[in-house]
Each structure stands twice: as C-alpha cells, then as structure tokens.
N, C-alpha and C. Protein backbone atom coordinates (compact mmCIF):
# COMPACT_ATOMS: atom_id res chain seq x y z
N UNK A 1 -0.82 -9.75 8.30
CA UNK A 1 0.14 -10.13 7.30
C UNK A 1 -0.53 -10.44 5.96
N UNK A 2 -1.65 -11.13 5.99
CA UNK A 2 -2.35 -11.49 4.75
C UNK A 2 -2.84 -10.24 4.02
N UNK A 3 -3.46 -9.26 4.70
CA UNK A 3 -3.88 -8.07 3.95
C UNK A 3 -2.71 -7.32 3.34
N UNK A 4 -1.57 -7.33 3.99
CA UNK A 4 -0.40 -6.66 3.42
C UNK A 4 0.10 -7.39 2.17
N UNK A 5 0.04 -8.71 2.18
CA UNK A 5 0.43 -9.46 0.99
C UNK A 5 -0.55 -9.23 -0.16
N UNK A 6 -1.83 -9.14 0.16
CA UNK A 6 -2.83 -8.83 -0.87
C UNK A 6 -2.61 -7.43 -1.42
N UNK A 7 -2.29 -6.47 -0.54
CA UNK A 7 -1.98 -5.12 -1.00
C UNK A 7 -0.73 -5.10 -1.86
N UNK A 8 0.25 -5.94 -1.54
CA UNK A 8 1.45 -6.02 -2.35
C UNK A 8 1.11 -6.48 -3.76
N UNK A 9 0.32 -7.53 -3.87
CA UNK A 9 -0.08 -8.02 -5.19
C UNK A 9 -0.95 -7.00 -5.93
N UNK A 10 -1.86 -6.35 -5.21
CA UNK A 10 -2.72 -5.35 -5.84
C UNK A 10 -1.91 -4.20 -6.40
N UNK A 11 -0.94 -3.73 -5.64
CA UNK A 11 -0.10 -2.64 -6.12
C UNK A 11 0.75 -3.03 -7.32
N UNK A 12 1.25 -4.27 -7.32
CA UNK A 12 2.03 -4.74 -8.47
C UNK A 12 1.16 -4.83 -9.72
N UNK A 13 -0.07 -5.30 -9.56
CA UNK A 13 -0.99 -5.37 -10.70
C UNK A 13 -1.34 -3.96 -11.18
N UNK A 14 -1.51 -3.03 -10.27
CA UNK A 14 -1.78 -1.64 -10.65
C UNK A 14 -0.62 -1.06 -11.45
N UNK A 15 0.60 -1.26 -10.98
CA UNK A 15 1.76 -0.75 -11.72
C UNK A 15 1.86 -1.43 -13.08
N UNK A 16 1.63 -2.71 -13.14
CA UNK A 16 1.65 -3.45 -14.40
C UNK A 16 0.60 -2.88 -15.37
N UNK A 17 -0.61 -2.71 -14.89
CA UNK A 17 -1.68 -2.20 -15.75
C UNK A 17 -1.41 -0.77 -16.21
N UNK A 18 -0.85 0.04 -15.33
CA UNK A 18 -0.56 1.43 -15.69
C UNK A 18 0.50 1.51 -16.77
N UNK A 19 1.52 0.68 -16.67
CA UNK A 19 2.62 0.75 -17.63
C UNK A 19 2.27 0.03 -18.94
N UNK A 20 1.70 -1.16 -18.86
CA UNK A 20 1.51 -1.97 -20.06
C UNK A 20 0.12 -1.89 -20.69
N UNK A 21 -0.86 -1.38 -19.96
CA UNK A 21 -2.22 -1.24 -20.50
C UNK A 21 -2.79 0.14 -20.18
N UNK A 22 -2.15 1.21 -20.67
CA UNK A 22 -2.59 2.55 -20.28
C UNK A 22 -3.99 2.91 -20.76
N UNK A 23 -4.43 2.38 -21.89
CA UNK A 23 -5.78 2.73 -22.35
C UNK A 23 -6.85 2.10 -21.47
N UNK A 24 -6.58 0.93 -20.89
CA UNK A 24 -7.54 0.33 -19.98
C UNK A 24 -7.63 1.13 -18.68
N UNK A 25 -6.50 1.60 -18.20
CA UNK A 25 -6.46 2.36 -16.95
C UNK A 25 -7.11 3.73 -17.12
N UNK A 26 -7.07 4.28 -18.32
CA UNK A 26 -7.62 5.62 -18.55
C UNK A 26 -9.14 5.66 -18.56
N UNK A 27 -9.81 4.54 -18.46
CA UNK A 27 -11.27 4.55 -18.38
C UNK A 27 -11.68 5.31 -17.13
N UNK A 28 -12.75 6.04 -17.25
CA UNK A 28 -13.19 6.83 -16.11
C UNK A 28 -13.83 5.93 -15.06
N UNK A 29 -13.52 6.19 -13.83
CA UNK A 29 -14.05 5.54 -12.64
C UNK A 29 -13.53 4.14 -12.36
N UNK A 30 -13.83 3.14 -13.19
CA UNK A 30 -13.67 1.76 -12.76
C UNK A 30 -12.26 1.33 -12.38
N UNK A 31 -11.27 1.34 -13.27
CA UNK A 31 -10.01 0.68 -12.88
C UNK A 31 -9.37 1.26 -11.62
N UNK A 32 -9.16 2.57 -11.60
CA UNK A 32 -8.52 3.17 -10.43
C UNK A 32 -9.41 3.07 -9.19
N UNK A 33 -10.71 3.22 -9.36
CA UNK A 33 -11.62 3.13 -8.21
C UNK A 33 -11.61 1.72 -7.62
N UNK A 34 -11.54 0.70 -8.47
CA UNK A 34 -11.50 -0.68 -7.96
C UNK A 34 -10.20 -0.93 -7.21
N UNK A 35 -9.08 -0.48 -7.78
CA UNK A 35 -7.81 -0.64 -7.08
C UNK A 35 -7.82 0.13 -5.76
N UNK A 36 -8.37 1.34 -5.78
CA UNK A 36 -8.42 2.16 -4.56
C UNK A 36 -9.26 1.47 -3.48
N UNK A 37 -10.38 0.87 -3.88
CA UNK A 37 -11.24 0.20 -2.91
C UNK A 37 -10.53 -1.00 -2.28
N UNK A 38 -9.86 -1.80 -3.10
CA UNK A 38 -9.15 -2.98 -2.57
C UNK A 38 -8.02 -2.54 -1.64
N UNK A 39 -7.25 -1.54 -2.06
CA UNK A 39 -6.13 -1.06 -1.23
C UNK A 39 -6.66 -0.49 0.09
N UNK A 40 -7.75 0.26 0.04
CA UNK A 40 -8.31 0.85 1.26
C UNK A 40 -8.80 -0.22 2.22
N UNK A 41 -9.55 -1.18 1.72
CA UNK A 41 -10.09 -2.24 2.59
C UNK A 41 -8.95 -3.06 3.21
N UNK A 42 -7.96 -3.40 2.39
CA UNK A 42 -6.84 -4.19 2.92
C UNK A 42 -6.01 -3.39 3.92
N UNK A 43 -5.83 -2.09 3.68
CA UNK A 43 -5.08 -1.25 4.63
C UNK A 43 -5.82 -1.12 5.95
N UNK A 44 -7.14 -0.99 5.89
CA UNK A 44 -7.92 -0.92 7.13
C UNK A 44 -7.84 -2.24 7.89
N UNK A 45 -7.86 -3.34 7.18
CA UNK A 45 -7.75 -4.65 7.81
C UNK A 45 -6.35 -4.85 8.39
N UNK A 46 -5.34 -4.36 7.70
CA UNK A 46 -3.96 -4.55 8.14
C UNK A 46 -3.62 -3.74 9.39
N UNK A 47 -4.41 -2.72 9.70
CA UNK A 47 -4.13 -1.89 10.88
C UNK A 47 -4.05 -2.72 12.15
N UNK A 48 -4.77 -3.83 12.20
CA UNK A 48 -4.80 -4.66 13.41
C UNK A 48 -3.50 -5.40 13.65
N UNK A 49 -2.78 -5.74 12.59
CA UNK A 49 -1.59 -6.56 12.76
C UNK A 49 -0.29 -5.85 12.44
N UNK A 50 -0.35 -4.61 11.95
CA UNK A 50 0.88 -3.89 11.62
C UNK A 50 1.67 -3.56 12.88
N UNK A 51 3.00 -3.71 12.84
CA UNK A 51 3.80 -3.38 14.01
C UNK A 51 3.86 -1.88 14.29
N UNK A 52 3.68 -1.07 13.26
CA UNK A 52 3.63 0.39 13.41
C UNK A 52 2.43 0.91 12.64
N UNK A 53 1.72 1.90 13.17
CA UNK A 53 0.50 2.36 12.49
C UNK A 53 0.76 3.13 11.19
N UNK A 54 1.96 3.62 10.98
CA UNK A 54 2.16 4.44 9.79
C UNK A 54 2.15 3.62 8.51
N UNK A 55 2.40 2.32 8.59
CA UNK A 55 2.34 1.48 7.39
C UNK A 55 0.96 1.57 6.75
N UNK A 56 -0.06 1.31 7.53
CA UNK A 56 -1.42 1.32 6.98
C UNK A 56 -1.91 2.74 6.73
N UNK A 57 -1.46 3.70 7.51
CA UNK A 57 -1.88 5.09 7.27
C UNK A 57 -1.43 5.58 5.90
N UNK A 58 -0.21 5.27 5.54
CA UNK A 58 0.29 5.69 4.22
C UNK A 58 -0.51 5.02 3.11
N UNK A 59 -0.81 3.74 3.26
CA UNK A 59 -1.59 3.05 2.23
C UNK A 59 -3.02 3.56 2.16
N UNK A 60 -3.59 3.97 3.29
CA UNK A 60 -4.93 4.56 3.29
C UNK A 60 -4.92 5.88 2.54
N UNK A 61 -3.92 6.71 2.79
CA UNK A 61 -3.81 8.00 2.09
C UNK A 61 -3.62 7.77 0.59
N UNK A 62 -2.79 6.81 0.22
CA UNK A 62 -2.58 6.52 -1.20
C UNK A 62 -3.85 5.99 -1.85
N UNK A 63 -4.63 5.18 -1.15
CA UNK A 63 -5.89 4.68 -1.69
C UNK A 63 -6.88 5.82 -1.90
N UNK A 64 -6.95 6.75 -0.95
CA UNK A 64 -7.84 7.90 -1.10
C UNK A 64 -7.41 8.77 -2.27
N UNK A 65 -6.10 8.98 -2.41
CA UNK A 65 -5.59 9.77 -3.54
C UNK A 65 -5.92 9.09 -4.87
N UNK A 66 -5.81 7.78 -4.93
CA UNK A 66 -6.14 7.05 -6.15
C UNK A 66 -7.63 7.12 -6.44
N UNK A 67 -8.44 7.08 -5.39
CA UNK A 67 -9.88 7.21 -5.56
C UNK A 67 -10.27 8.58 -6.09
N UNK A 68 -9.62 9.62 -5.59
CA UNK A 68 -9.88 10.97 -6.10
C UNK A 68 -9.42 11.07 -7.55
N UNK A 69 -8.28 10.48 -7.85
CA UNK A 69 -7.77 10.49 -9.23
C UNK A 69 -8.72 9.78 -10.17
N UNK A 70 -9.41 8.75 -9.69
CA UNK A 70 -10.33 8.00 -10.56
C UNK A 70 -11.53 8.82 -10.99
N UNK A 71 -11.83 9.90 -10.28
CA UNK A 71 -12.98 10.73 -10.63
C UNK A 71 -12.68 11.76 -11.71
N UNK A 72 -11.42 11.91 -12.06
CA UNK A 72 -11.03 12.88 -13.09
C UNK A 72 -11.19 12.29 -14.48
N UNK A 73 -11.29 13.15 -15.50
CA UNK A 73 -11.34 12.64 -16.88
C UNK A 73 -9.95 12.16 -17.32
N UNK A 74 -9.63 10.94 -17.03
CA UNK A 74 -8.27 10.43 -17.18
C UNK A 74 -7.81 10.33 -18.63
N UNK A 75 -8.73 10.15 -19.56
CA UNK A 75 -8.34 10.04 -20.97
C UNK A 75 -7.73 11.35 -21.48
N UNK A 76 -8.10 12.47 -20.86
CA UNK A 76 -7.55 13.76 -21.28
C UNK A 76 -6.32 14.16 -20.46
N UNK A 77 -5.96 13.35 -19.49
CA UNK A 77 -4.80 13.64 -18.63
C UNK A 77 -3.86 12.43 -18.61
N UNK A 78 -3.23 12.10 -19.73
CA UNK A 78 -2.43 10.86 -19.76
C UNK A 78 -1.22 10.89 -18.84
N UNK A 79 -0.57 12.04 -18.70
CA UNK A 79 0.61 12.09 -17.80
C UNK A 79 0.21 11.90 -16.35
N UNK A 80 -0.88 12.55 -15.94
CA UNK A 80 -1.36 12.39 -14.56
C UNK A 80 -1.80 10.96 -14.32
N UNK A 81 -2.47 10.36 -15.29
CA UNK A 81 -2.91 8.97 -15.16
C UNK A 81 -1.72 8.04 -15.01
N UNK A 82 -0.72 8.22 -15.87
CA UNK A 82 0.44 7.33 -15.82
C UNK A 82 1.21 7.50 -14.52
N UNK A 83 1.60 8.72 -14.20
CA UNK A 83 2.45 8.92 -13.02
C UNK A 83 1.69 8.69 -11.72
N UNK A 84 0.43 9.06 -11.66
CA UNK A 84 -0.36 8.78 -10.45
C UNK A 84 -0.50 7.30 -10.22
N UNK A 85 -0.89 6.56 -11.26
CA UNK A 85 -1.02 5.11 -11.14
C UNK A 85 0.30 4.42 -10.89
N UNK A 86 1.35 4.92 -11.54
CA UNK A 86 2.67 4.31 -11.37
C UNK A 86 3.18 4.49 -9.94
N UNK A 87 3.09 5.70 -9.41
CA UNK A 87 3.63 5.94 -8.06
C UNK A 87 2.81 5.24 -6.99
N UNK A 88 1.50 5.26 -7.12
CA UNK A 88 0.69 4.51 -6.15
C UNK A 88 0.97 3.02 -6.30
N UNK A 89 1.13 2.56 -7.54
CA UNK A 89 1.39 1.16 -7.80
C UNK A 89 2.76 0.69 -7.36
N UNK A 90 3.69 1.61 -7.12
CA UNK A 90 5.00 1.21 -6.60
C UNK A 90 5.13 1.45 -5.09
N UNK A 91 4.49 2.48 -4.60
CA UNK A 91 4.59 2.77 -3.16
C UNK A 91 3.78 1.79 -2.31
N UNK A 92 2.56 1.47 -2.74
CA UNK A 92 1.72 0.56 -1.96
C UNK A 92 2.37 -0.81 -1.76
N UNK A 93 2.86 -1.47 -2.81
CA UNK A 93 3.47 -2.78 -2.54
C UNK A 93 4.76 -2.70 -1.74
N UNK A 94 5.52 -1.61 -1.90
CA UNK A 94 6.75 -1.47 -1.12
C UNK A 94 6.43 -1.37 0.37
N UNK A 95 5.49 -0.52 0.70
CA UNK A 95 5.14 -0.32 2.12
C UNK A 95 4.41 -1.54 2.68
N UNK A 96 3.52 -2.13 1.88
CA UNK A 96 2.79 -3.30 2.36
C UNK A 96 3.71 -4.50 2.58
N UNK A 97 4.67 -4.70 1.69
CA UNK A 97 5.61 -5.81 1.88
C UNK A 97 6.52 -5.55 3.07
N UNK A 98 6.91 -4.31 3.24
CA UNK A 98 7.72 -3.94 4.40
C UNK A 98 6.94 -4.26 5.68
N UNK A 99 5.66 -3.87 5.71
CA UNK A 99 4.84 -4.14 6.89
C UNK A 99 4.63 -5.63 7.11
N UNK A 100 4.55 -6.40 6.03
CA UNK A 100 4.35 -7.84 6.17
C UNK A 100 5.61 -8.54 6.70
N UNK A 101 6.77 -8.06 6.30
CA UNK A 101 8.02 -8.73 6.68
C UNK A 101 8.64 -8.20 7.96
N UNK A 102 8.35 -6.96 8.32
CA UNK A 102 9.01 -6.33 9.46
C UNK A 102 8.35 -6.77 10.76
N UNK A 103 9.11 -7.39 11.60
CA UNK A 103 8.67 -7.77 12.95
C UNK A 103 9.79 -7.39 13.90
N UNK A 104 9.60 -6.33 14.69
CA UNK A 104 10.67 -5.88 15.58
C UNK A 104 10.95 -6.90 16.69
N UNK A 105 12.19 -6.88 17.15
CA UNK A 105 12.59 -7.73 18.27
C UNK A 105 11.94 -7.19 19.54
N UNK A 106 11.45 -8.05 20.40
CA UNK A 106 10.91 -7.55 21.67
C UNK A 106 12.03 -6.95 22.51
N UNK A 107 11.71 -5.88 23.17
CA UNK A 107 12.70 -5.20 24.00
C UNK A 107 13.05 -6.08 25.20
N UNK A 108 14.32 -6.12 25.50
CA UNK A 108 14.77 -6.90 26.66
C UNK A 108 14.36 -6.16 27.93
N UNK A 109 13.76 -6.88 28.84
CA UNK A 109 13.33 -6.29 30.10
C UNK A 109 14.50 -6.08 31.04
N UNK A 110 14.26 -5.42 32.14
CA UNK A 110 15.32 -5.16 33.12
C UNK A 110 15.84 -6.46 33.73
N UNK A 111 14.94 -7.43 33.91
CA UNK A 111 15.36 -8.71 34.50
C UNK A 111 16.29 -9.45 33.54
N UNK A 112 15.98 -9.42 32.25
CA UNK A 112 16.85 -10.06 31.28
C UNK A 112 18.21 -9.38 31.23
N UNK A 113 18.22 -8.05 31.30
CA UNK A 113 19.46 -7.30 31.24
C UNK A 113 20.32 -7.62 32.46
N UNK A 114 19.69 -7.65 33.62
CA UNK A 114 20.45 -7.94 34.85
C UNK A 114 20.98 -9.37 34.85
N UNK A 115 20.19 -10.29 34.31
CA UNK A 115 20.63 -11.68 34.29
C UNK A 115 21.81 -11.88 33.34
N UNK A 116 21.80 -11.16 32.21
CA UNK A 116 22.89 -11.28 31.25
C UNK A 116 24.18 -10.67 31.76
N UNK A 117 24.09 -9.65 32.60
CA UNK A 117 25.27 -8.92 33.04
C UNK A 117 25.66 -9.23 34.49
N UNK A 118 25.19 -10.32 35.06
CA UNK A 118 25.55 -10.71 36.41
C UNK A 118 26.78 -11.62 36.32
N UNK A 119 27.82 -11.32 37.14
CA UNK A 119 29.03 -12.15 37.08
C UNK A 119 28.86 -13.52 37.66
C-alpha cells in the first residue's frame, strides 16, 4: 500500500511538472529518468502487496516507457515530451491509487454458503 501511495504522489508531481514547468522537464536525461526510476522501484515493491499483478505490471511498463523517453532529445520534441509526461503522469497515479484502495472481498467458502442457506 505504501509504495502505491508513493507512486500516486510521484505521478501527480510528474503531471504537475509536465504541465506547469515544461522547460525543466525538457532537460535531457534527469527529470524523466528520475521519475522513471522512482516509479519502477515503487512498482516492483508494490508487486508483493497488490491484490492483482496487473496493477504493478502496468506501472512497470509505464516507467520503462518514461525511461526510454528520457533518452531522447526532448527539447526538440516538445509535443512528445508534453504528452508522454502527461499521460504517464496521469495513468501511474490512477492505477497506483486504485491498487492501494482496492481490496477484494474474500470468497465465501462452501461451509459459509451452506450455513447461510440452511433452514
């Protein structure tokens, strides 16, 4: 749960930085690579407590995509920088918060079912 909350905050900060500080985000390597590293580490840590494995898998793929994006000359690709950072910055916190809050109900066993339906 804690790594998912950290990923939620990281993604919100990424979206904030992409929208309100685009020249800082366009620096080569550092900003996107740092966000990608934090998201990747937290997603790997969250795999242990996630109720479904796809929550962390999606965040791992998004972190890798952001890491690859950080290697490009971002100052010459402002649309790719904005939309790539924006979408990763909105998808990661959505999925991470979903994983942090979602706890499925345990399935009722046969004994519980029989006990509930016995006259």
